[in-house]
């Protein structure tokens, strides 16, 4: 009897009498028969479709056999075992990868294995190369200026994407008009565009694609303004705990210029980056900042020069400024002027207050002294009079006092001459 896979199953035998129905048949116990067919002819079938596609899609592979049962499967990517995970489903000869990325690109192989007793049968498929393309990212656009001769310039426009599996097609547009297009095996392309300094020649934009989707850059103006003056330079500083200047910042900026190049000088010597006491920060076309540590090596006369980055034949120079630690820690003239002015104003204010107070006291105490002098003289006169022999009828006094309430008061101005006459008589009597 030739055994084949269809014979696998539970086997049993039945014994019964031949041509004798009176004998009851007897059934034996069953035994499971396992039939192992060695694996052979392993082959990968790409069930999901093309072997080259864009990231994010699902990859499904199936390991097909021409022969074999009781088979176990392993999947290899570039010779390394693929372990089941949240994004990698492995079961029954199938490999399912969802949300693929470029990391899933490579050579896939399935290994089918079965065994009989201690004999192991193996079948390896041929490798299938799967390419998962990273979709090209939004490109950046920039340009530099190339001077070809004294009156001829070109803009070297660069379109560059951070990621994207080659081949990538880059296209350069001026508004909606196609300027040029190229397909490269990298994520960067360069285009050469004629340029006229000082003129606005349109708006440039890059397009990039390596699949059915096109990514576009922002639009930038195709305009280059030459550097022009004046060049302004100023500074500020940081103060330490002892109120001494410890750090200094110079700022240099040209009045105009699209692509300036800044150079710093100390005592008319160009500052190179190998020096340790300074650091230069160039903020694109806005300005250049020179950071200094204050010390003996940083003392001297500073100035900056600005020229076009594409043409250094003409440079514009700022004013020179001398600085050292003593100059920085000296009080500025305007601070001294403010302090002196405030002190002078305070002295004037105090002087005015003192003068006003003295005049007020003189006026007040002068009137009081005159009143006291008059009271004193009258008191002396009354003290010298002998009132012991003076008698007045009470009725006359009462009548006079009653009459005082019926008289109208006279003006003090009219009484003053009489008072002066009385005072004179008193003085004559006392003399």
Protein backbone atom coordinates (compact mmCIF):
# COMPACT_ATOMS: atom_id res chain seq x y z
CA UNK A 1 0.00 0.00 0.00
CA UNK A 2 1.37 3.38 -0.97
CA UNK A 3 0.76 5.98 1.70
CA UNK A 4 -0.10 9.53 0.70
CA UNK A 5 -1.39 12.54 2.64
CA UNK A 6 -5.04 11.58 2.09
CA UNK A 7 -4.52 8.47 4.22
CA UNK A 8 -3.89 10.58 7.30
CA UNK A 9 -6.51 10.15 10.00
CA UNK A 10 -7.92 7.69 12.58
CA UNK A 11 -7.46 4.08 11.46
CA UNK A 12 -9.22 0.98 12.81
CA UNK A 13 -10.00 -2.56 11.63
CA UNK A 14 -13.25 -4.56 11.66
CA UNK A 15 -13.29 -8.37 12.02
CA UNK A 16 -16.39 -10.34 10.97
CA UNK A 17 -17.23 -13.81 9.79
CA UNK A 18 -17.14 -14.39 6.08
CA UNK A 19 -20.53 -15.35 4.70
CA UNK A 20 -21.81 -15.90 8.21
CA UNK A 21 -24.15 -13.29 9.50
CA UNK A 22 -24.51 -14.94 12.86
CA UNK A 23 -21.05 -13.82 13.90
CA UNK A 24 -20.98 -10.31 15.34
CA UNK A 25 -18.23 -8.13 13.82
CA UNK A 26 -15.56 -6.87 16.13
CA UNK A 27 -14.03 -3.36 15.87
CA UNK A 28 -10.52 -2.64 17.03
CA UNK A 29 -9.33 0.48 18.77
CA UNK A 30 -8.54 3.39 16.47
CA UNK A 31 -5.07 4.70 15.86
CA UNK A 32 -4.21 8.13 14.42
CA UNK A 33 -2.06 7.90 11.34
CA UNK A 34 0.04 10.99 10.62
CA UNK A 35 1.35 11.27 7.12
CA UNK A 36 4.17 13.74 6.61
CA UNK A 37 4.85 15.04 3.15
CA UNK A 38 8.22 16.81 2.90
CA UNK A 39 7.94 20.48 2.01
CA UNK A 40 8.97 21.56 -1.41
CA UNK A 41 8.67 24.44 -3.86
CA UNK A 42 8.27 27.39 -1.48
CA UNK A 43 7.41 30.59 -3.33
CA UNK A 44 6.36 34.12 -2.28
CA UNK A 45 3.17 35.52 -3.75
CA UNK A 46 2.63 39.29 -3.36
CA UNK A 47 -1.10 39.37 -2.68
CA UNK A 48 -1.27 43.15 -2.13
CA UNK A 49 -0.16 44.07 -5.65
CA UNK A 50 2.96 45.84 -7.00
CA UNK A 51 6.33 45.31 -5.38
CA UNK A 52 7.00 49.08 -5.45
CA UNK A 53 4.59 51.48 -3.79
CA UNK A 54 4.38 54.58 -1.59
CA UNK A 55 4.56 54.49 2.21
CA UNK A 56 1.36 54.07 4.18
CA UNK A 57 -0.09 51.23 2.14
CA UNK A 58 -0.50 47.59 3.27
CA UNK A 59 1.87 44.82 2.20
CA UNK A 60 0.54 41.26 2.11
CA UNK A 61 2.75 38.27 1.25
CA UNK A 62 1.81 34.57 1.02
CA UNK A 63 4.22 31.63 1.09
CA UNK A 64 2.92 29.04 -1.41
CA UNK A 65 4.17 25.41 -1.59
CA UNK A 66 4.05 22.76 -4.28
CA UNK A 67 4.18 20.02 -1.63
CA UNK A 68 4.22 19.64 2.11
CA UNK A 69 1.99 19.54 5.14
CA UNK A 70 2.36 20.10 8.86
CA UNK A 71 4.46 23.08 7.88
CA UNK A 72 5.81 25.92 10.01
CA UNK A 73 6.84 29.22 8.43
CA UNK A 74 9.42 31.91 9.06
CA UNK A 75 9.75 35.24 7.30
CA UNK A 76 13.06 36.98 6.74
CA UNK A 77 13.75 40.58 5.69
CA UNK A 78 17.30 41.10 4.46
CA UNK A 79 18.24 37.88 6.24
CA UNK A 80 16.77 38.91 9.59
CA UNK A 81 13.82 37.19 11.24
CA UNK A 82 10.56 39.17 11.26
CA UNK A 83 8.85 38.94 14.63
CA UNK A 84 5.10 39.41 15.03
CA UNK A 85 4.12 42.87 16.27
CA UNK A 86 1.27 45.34 16.21
CA UNK A 87 2.05 46.23 12.59
CA UNK A 88 3.42 42.82 11.51
CA UNK A 89 0.95 39.91 11.42
CA UNK A 90 2.50 36.48 10.83
CA UNK A 91 0.30 33.34 10.63
CA UNK A 92 -0.40 30.37 8.34
CA UNK A 93 2.18 31.27 5.75
CA UNK A 94 0.97 34.90 5.53
CA UNK A 95 2.79 38.11 6.32
CA UNK A 96 0.69 41.25 6.64
CA UNK A 97 2.34 44.66 7.25
CA UNK A 98 0.06 47.64 7.74
CA UNK A 99 1.08 51.30 7.40
CA UNK A 100 4.35 50.52 5.68
CA UNK A 101 7.35 52.83 5.69
CA UNK A 102 10.66 52.84 3.87
CA UNK A 103 12.05 50.67 6.69
CA UNK A 104 9.93 47.84 5.31
CA UNK A 105 11.83 47.91 2.02
CA UNK A 106 14.20 45.04 1.25
CA UNK A 107 14.49 41.40 0.24
CA UNK A 108 11.80 39.10 1.64
CA UNK A 109 12.12 35.32 1.89
CA UNK A 110 9.91 32.66 3.44
CA UNK A 111 11.27 29.46 4.99
CA UNK A 112 8.90 26.45 5.17
CA UNK A 113 9.80 23.56 7.50
CA UNK A 114 8.33 20.20 8.55
CA UNK A 115 9.84 17.05 10.05
CA UNK A 116 9.34 13.30 10.38
CA UNK A 117 10.74 11.91 13.61
CA UNK A 118 14.21 13.43 13.67
CA UNK A 119 14.31 14.23 10.01
CA UNK A 120 13.74 17.92 9.16
CA UNK A 121 12.61 19.06 5.74
CA UNK A 122 13.10 22.69 4.67
CA UNK A 123 12.21 24.72 1.61
CA UNK A 124 13.38 28.30 1.09
CA UNK A 125 11.66 30.59 -1.34
CA UNK A 126 13.52 32.85 -3.69
CA UNK A 127 13.89 36.47 -2.52
CA UNK A 128 11.33 39.07 -3.49
CA UNK A 129 12.46 42.70 -3.39
CA UNK A 130 9.87 45.08 -2.01
CA UNK A 131 10.40 48.84 -2.33
CA UNK A 132 8.40 51.14 -0.06
CA UNK A 133 9.00 54.68 -1.19
CA UNK A 134 9.10 57.53 1.29
CA UNK A 135 6.83 60.17 -0.13
CA UNK A 136 8.80 63.28 -0.93
CA UNK A 137 8.37 66.01 1.66
CA UNK A 138 7.49 69.63 1.01
CA UNK A 139 10.57 71.12 -0.66
CA UNK A 140 12.46 74.18 0.52
CA UNK A 141 13.49 76.81 -2.00
CA UNK A 142 16.42 79.21 -1.83
CA UNK A 143 18.89 80.83 -4.16
CA UNK A 144 22.34 82.32 -4.29
CA UNK A 145 23.75 84.78 -6.80
CA UNK A 146 26.49 83.86 -9.25
CA UNK A 147 28.51 86.69 -10.77
CA UNK A 148 29.63 85.62 -14.21
CA UNK A 149 31.21 88.92 -15.33
CA UNK A 150 31.03 92.54 -14.12
CA UNK A 151 27.55 93.02 -15.59
CA UNK A 152 26.10 89.49 -15.74
CA UNK A 153 24.47 87.65 -12.84
CA UNK A 154 22.50 84.43 -12.41
CA UNK A 155 20.34 83.06 -9.61
CA UNK A 156 21.28 79.51 -8.61
CA UNK A 157 17.94 78.21 -7.31
CA UNK A 158 18.01 75.14 -5.05
CA UNK A 159 14.97 72.91 -4.47
CA UNK A 160 15.50 70.45 -1.62
CA UNK A 161 13.28 68.02 0.30
CA UNK A 162 14.12 66.60 3.71
CA UNK A 163 13.03 63.10 2.69
CA UNK A 164 11.80 61.16 -0.29
CA UNK A 165 12.88 57.98 -2.01
CA UNK A 166 14.54 58.58 -5.39
CA UNK A 167 13.84 59.06 -8.17
CA UNK A 168 12.42 62.53 -7.51
CA UNK A 169 11.21 64.95 -10.14
CA UNK A 170 11.76 68.64 -9.33
CA UNK A 171 10.11 71.42 -11.31
CA UNK A 172 10.75 75.17 -11.02
CA UNK A 173 7.95 77.64 -11.74
CA UNK A 174 7.85 81.42 -12.07
CA UNK A 175 4.27 82.07 -11.05
CA UNK A 176 2.45 79.48 -13.20
CA UNK A 177 5.08 79.35 -15.95
CA UNK A 178 7.36 76.30 -15.98
CA UNK A 179 10.99 77.39 -15.98
CA UNK A 180 12.70 73.99 -15.89
CA UNK A 181 12.24 70.40 -14.71
CA UNK A 182 14.60 67.54 -13.89
CA UNK A 183 14.53 64.02 -12.40
CA UNK A 184 17.36 63.17 -10.01
CA UNK A 185 18.45 60.27 -7.83
CA UNK A 186 18.59 62.47 -4.74
CA UNK A 187 16.38 64.92 -2.86
CA UNK A 188 17.92 68.11 -4.24
CA UNK A 189 18.03 69.86 -7.59
CA UNK A 190 19.58 73.15 -8.75
CA UNK A 191 18.36 75.46 -11.50
CA UNK A 192 20.11 78.43 -13.11
CA UNK A 193 17.96 81.50 -13.79
CA UNK A 194 19.07 84.82 -15.37
CA UNK A 195 19.10 87.72 -12.91
CA UNK A 196 19.13 91.52 -13.05
CA UNK A 197 20.15 93.29 -9.85
CA UNK A 198 17.62 95.69 -8.38
CA UNK A 199 14.69 94.36 -10.43
CA UNK A 200 11.73 92.24 -9.34
CA UNK A 201 11.60 89.35 -11.81
CA UNK A 202 8.67 87.33 -10.43
CA UNK A 203 7.92 84.69 -7.82
CA UNK A 204 9.67 81.31 -7.79
CA UNK A 205 8.20 78.02 -6.54
CA UNK A 206 9.46 74.41 -6.48
CA UNK A 207 7.34 71.33 -7.15
CA UNK A 208 8.54 67.84 -6.16
CA UNK A 209 7.05 64.39 -6.66
CA UNK A 210 8.07 60.73 -6.60
CA UNK A 211 4.55 59.32 -6.68
CA UNK A 212 1.09 60.40 -7.69
CA UNK A 213 1.17 63.35 -5.27
CA UNK A 214 2.98 66.67 -5.89
CA UNK A 215 4.45 68.73 -3.05
CA UNK A 216 4.97 72.48 -3.50
CA UNK A 217 7.31 74.90 -1.77
CA UNK A 218 6.47 78.42 -0.66
CA UNK A 219 6.89 81.21 -3.19
CA UNK A 220 9.87 83.56 -2.93
CA UNK A 221 10.52 86.78 -4.86
CA UNK A 222 13.22 86.72 -7.50
CA UNK A 223 14.74 90.05 -6.53
CA UNK A 224 18.22 90.99 -5.38
CA UNK A 225 18.86 94.46 -3.94
CA UNK A 226 22.55 95.43 -3.79
CA UNK A 227 23.97 96.48 -0.43
CA UNK A 228 23.63 100.20 0.25
CA UNK A 229 24.52 102.55 3.09
CA UNK A 230 24.70 103.88 5.56
CA UNK A 231 26.00 101.06 7.76
CA UNK A 232 24.94 101.60 11.37
CA UNK A 233 26.72 100.12 14.39
CA UNK A 234 25.66 100.30 18.04
CA UNK A 235 26.19 98.25 21.17
CA UNK A 236 24.74 97.17 24.50
CA UNK A 237 26.24 95.27 27.41
CA UNK A 238 25.66 92.99 30.41
CA UNK A 239 26.55 94.01 33.97
CA UNK A 240 27.85 91.63 36.65
CA UNK A 241 27.22 91.45 40.38
CA UNK A 242 29.76 94.20 41.12
CA UNK A 243 28.07 96.47 38.55
CA UNK A 244 31.03 96.08 36.17
CA UNK A 245 30.52 95.38 32.46
CA UNK A 246 31.23 91.70 31.73
CA UNK A 247 29.75 91.17 28.26
CA UNK A 248 29.34 93.32 25.18
CA UNK A 249 27.26 93.06 22.00
CA UNK A 250 27.90 95.04 18.81
CA UNK A 251 25.17 95.26 16.17
CA UNK A 252 25.88 96.00 12.50
CA UNK A 253 23.18 96.64 9.91
CA UNK A 254 23.15 98.06 6.40
CA UNK A 255 20.37 100.34 5.20
CA UNK A 256 19.55 97.94 2.35
CA UNK A 257 20.76 94.74 0.75
CA UNK A 258 19.24 91.31 0.05
CA UNK A 259 22.37 89.17 0.45
CA UNK A 260 24.83 91.04 2.68
CA UNK A 261 28.14 89.72 3.97
CA UNK A 262 29.35 91.13 7.29
CA UNK A 263 32.96 91.47 8.43
CA UNK A 264 34.16 92.72 11.82
CA UNK A 265 37.43 94.55 12.44
CA UNK A 266 39.41 95.32 15.59
CA UNK A 267 42.06 98.01 15.13
CA UNK A 268 41.60 97.61 11.34
CA UNK A 269 42.39 93.88 11.59
CA UNK A 270 39.79 91.39 10.37
CA UNK A 271 38.46 89.24 13.20
CA UNK A 272 38.83 85.53 12.44
CA UNK A 273 36.79 82.83 14.13
CA UNK A 274 39.85 81.27 15.71
CA UNK A 275 39.92 84.00 18.37
CA UNK A 276 38.40 83.05 21.72
CA UNK A 277 37.13 86.37 23.06
CA UNK A 278 34.33 86.88 20.51
CA UNK A 279 31.55 85.09 18.64
CA UNK A 280 29.65 86.26 15.54
CA UNK A 281 25.95 85.63 14.92
CA UNK A 282 24.63 86.54 11.48
CA UNK A 283 20.84 86.90 11.39
CA UNK A 284 20.34 86.29 7.67
CA UNK A 285 20.00 89.62 5.89
CA UNK A 286 18.84 91.53 8.97
CA UNK A 287 22.03 92.22 10.91
CA UNK A 288 25.23 90.78 12.34
CA UNK A 289 25.93 90.55 16.07
CA UNK A 290 29.43 90.48 17.55
CA UNK A 291 29.49 88.99 21.06
CA UNK A 292 32.52 90.01 23.14
CA UNK A 293 33.96 89.13 26.52
CA UNK A 294 35.34 92.27 28.15
CA UNK A 295 39.06 92.12 28.84
CA UNK A 296 42.48 93.26 27.76
CA UNK A 297 42.39 91.33 24.48
CA UNK A 298 39.05 92.85 23.44
CA UNK A 299 40.05 96.50 23.99
CA UNK A 300 40.44 98.65 20.90
CA UNK A 301 38.67 100.35 18.01
CA UNK A 302 35.87 98.40 16.31
CA UNK A 303 34.06 98.80 13.03
CA UNK A 304 32.15 96.58 10.61
CA UNK A 305 32.05 96.36 6.82
CA UNK A 306 29.16 95.16 4.67
CA UNK A 307 29.36 93.96 1.08
CA UNK A 308 27.30 91.80 -1.27
CA UNK A 309 27.89 88.10 -0.64
CA UNK A 310 28.29 87.54 -4.37
CA UNK A 311 30.55 90.55 -5.01
CA UNK A 312 33.10 91.79 -2.47
CA UNK A 313 34.63 94.45 -4.71
CA UNK A 314 32.66 97.18 -2.91
CA UNK A 315 32.28 97.32 0.87
CA UNK A 316 30.58 99.95 3.04
CA UNK A 317 32.20 100.75 6.37
CA UNK A 318 30.56 101.81 9.62
CA UNK A 319 31.88 104.46 11.99
CA UNK A 320 34.68 103.43 14.32
CA UNK A 321 34.11 103.03 18.05
CA UNK A 322 36.80 102.69 20.71
CA UNK A 323 35.99 100.63 23.80
CA UNK A 324 37.87 99.18 26.74
CA UNK A 325 36.96 98.19 30.28
CA UNK A 326 37.58 101.69 31.69
CA UNK A 327 35.46 103.35 29.01
CA UNK A 328 32.63 100.88 29.52
CA UNK A 329 32.61 101.30 33.30
CA UNK A 330 32.74 105.11 33.11
CA UNK A 331 29.46 106.87 33.72
CA UNK A 332 27.96 108.18 30.49
CA UNK A 333 27.83 111.96 29.99
CA UNK A 334 24.05 111.99 29.93
CA UNK A 335 23.91 110.18 33.29
CA UNK A 336 26.31 112.71 34.82
CA UNK A 337 24.26 115.57 33.34
CA UNK A 338 21.03 114.19 34.77
CA UNK A 339 22.52 113.67 38.24
CA UNK A 340 24.11 117.14 38.28
CA UNK A 341 20.90 118.74 37.02
CA UNK A 342 18.81 117.00 39.67
CA UNK A 343 21.28 118.07 42.40
CA UNK A 344 21.23 121.70 41.19
CA UNK A 345 17.44 121.73 41.04
CA UNK A 346 17.29 120.36 44.59
CA UNK A 347 19.62 123.12 45.88
CA UNK A 348 17.56 125.81 44.14
CA UNK A 349 14.35 124.40 45.57
CA UNK A 350 15.73 124.36 49.13
CA UNK A 351 17.07 127.92 48.74
CA UNK A 352 13.72 129.22 47.52
CA UNK A 353 11.92 127.53 50.41
CA UNK A 354 14.34 129.09 52.93
CA UNK A 355 13.92 132.60 51.44
CA UNK A 356 10.15 132.36 51.43
CA UNK A 357 10.15 131.11 55.02
CA UNK A 358 12.43 133.94 56.19
CA UNK A 359 10.28 136.59 54.53
CA UNK A 360 7.15 135.10 56.05
CA UNK A 361 8.66 134.99 59.55
CA UNK A 362 9.96 138.58 59.24
CA UNK A 363 6.54 139.85 58.27
CA UNK A 364 4.73 137.90 60.97
CA UNK A 365 7.12 138.66 63.85
CA UNK A 366 7.50 142.32 62.77
CA UNK A 367 3.78 143.01 63.31
CA UNK A 368 3.85 141.24 66.66
CA UNK A 369 6.84 143.30 67.89
CA UNK A 370 5.06 146.55 67.00
CA UNK A 371 1.99 145.46 68.99
CA UNK A 372 4.14 144.47 71.96
CA UNK A 373 5.95 147.84 71.89
CA UNK A 374 2.65 149.72 72.03
CA UNK A 375 1.32 147.54 74.84
CA UNK A 376 4.52 148.07 76.84
CA UNK A 377 4.42 151.83 76.54
CA UNK A 378 0.78 152.05 77.64
CA UNK A 379 1.49 149.75 80.58
CA UNK A 380 4.35 151.95 81.74
CA UNK A 381 2.15 155.05 81.59
CA UNK A 382 -0.61 153.40 83.55
CA UNK A 383 1.83 152.19 86.17
CA UNK A 384 3.05 155.70 86.88
CA UNK A 385 -0.47 157.06 87.46
CA UNK A 386 -1.73 157.34 91.06
CA UNK A 387 -5.23 155.94 91.05
CA UNK A 388 -5.71 155.94 94.82
CA UNK A 389 -7.26 159.42 94.81
CA UNK A 390 -9.40 158.81 91.73
CA UNK A 391 -13.13 158.28 92.43
CA UNK A 392 -15.99 158.09 90.00
CA UNK A 393 -19.69 158.14 90.71
CA UNK A 394 -21.14 154.72 90.13
CA UNK A 395 -24.23 156.17 88.45
CA UNK A 396 -22.11 158.14 86.03
CA UNK A 397 -20.08 155.07 85.25
CA UNK A 398 -23.15 152.99 84.68
CA UNK A 399 -24.68 155.66 82.52
CA UNK A 400 -21.57 155.96 80.48
CA UNK A 401 -21.26 152.23 80.04
CA UNK A 402 -24.85 151.97 79.07
CA UNK A 403 -24.30 154.72 76.55
CA UNK A 404 -21.36 152.88 75.02
CA UNK A 405 -23.69 150.22 73.65
CA UNK A 406 -25.80 152.86 71.91
CA UNK A 407 -22.89 154.48 70.06
CA UNK A 408 -21.82 153.29 66.70
CA UNK A 409 -18.23 152.19 66.31
CA UNK A 410 -15.96 154.56 64.42
CA UNK A 411 -13.44 153.49 61.91
CA UNK A 412 -10.07 152.56 63.32
CA UNK A 413 -8.46 154.84 60.73
CA UNK A 414 -10.12 157.88 62.35
CA UNK A 415 -8.96 156.88 65.83
CA UNK A 416 -5.30 156.36 64.85
CA UNK A 417 -4.31 160.13 64.91
CA UNK A 418 -5.76 160.49 68.44
CA UNK A 419 -3.88 157.38 69.55
CA UNK A 420 -0.64 158.81 68.19
CA UNK A 421 -1.28 162.12 70.05
CA UNK A 422 -1.91 160.28 73.30
CA UNK A 423 1.27 158.26 72.81
CA UNK A 424 3.21 161.47 72.25
CA UNK A 425 1.83 162.99 75.47
CA UNK A 426 2.78 159.84 77.35
CA UNK A 427 6.32 160.03 75.99
CA UNK A 428 6.56 163.72 77.05
CA UNK A 429 5.39 162.89 80.54
CA UNK A 430 7.86 160.00 80.90
CA UNK A 431 10.80 162.02 79.68
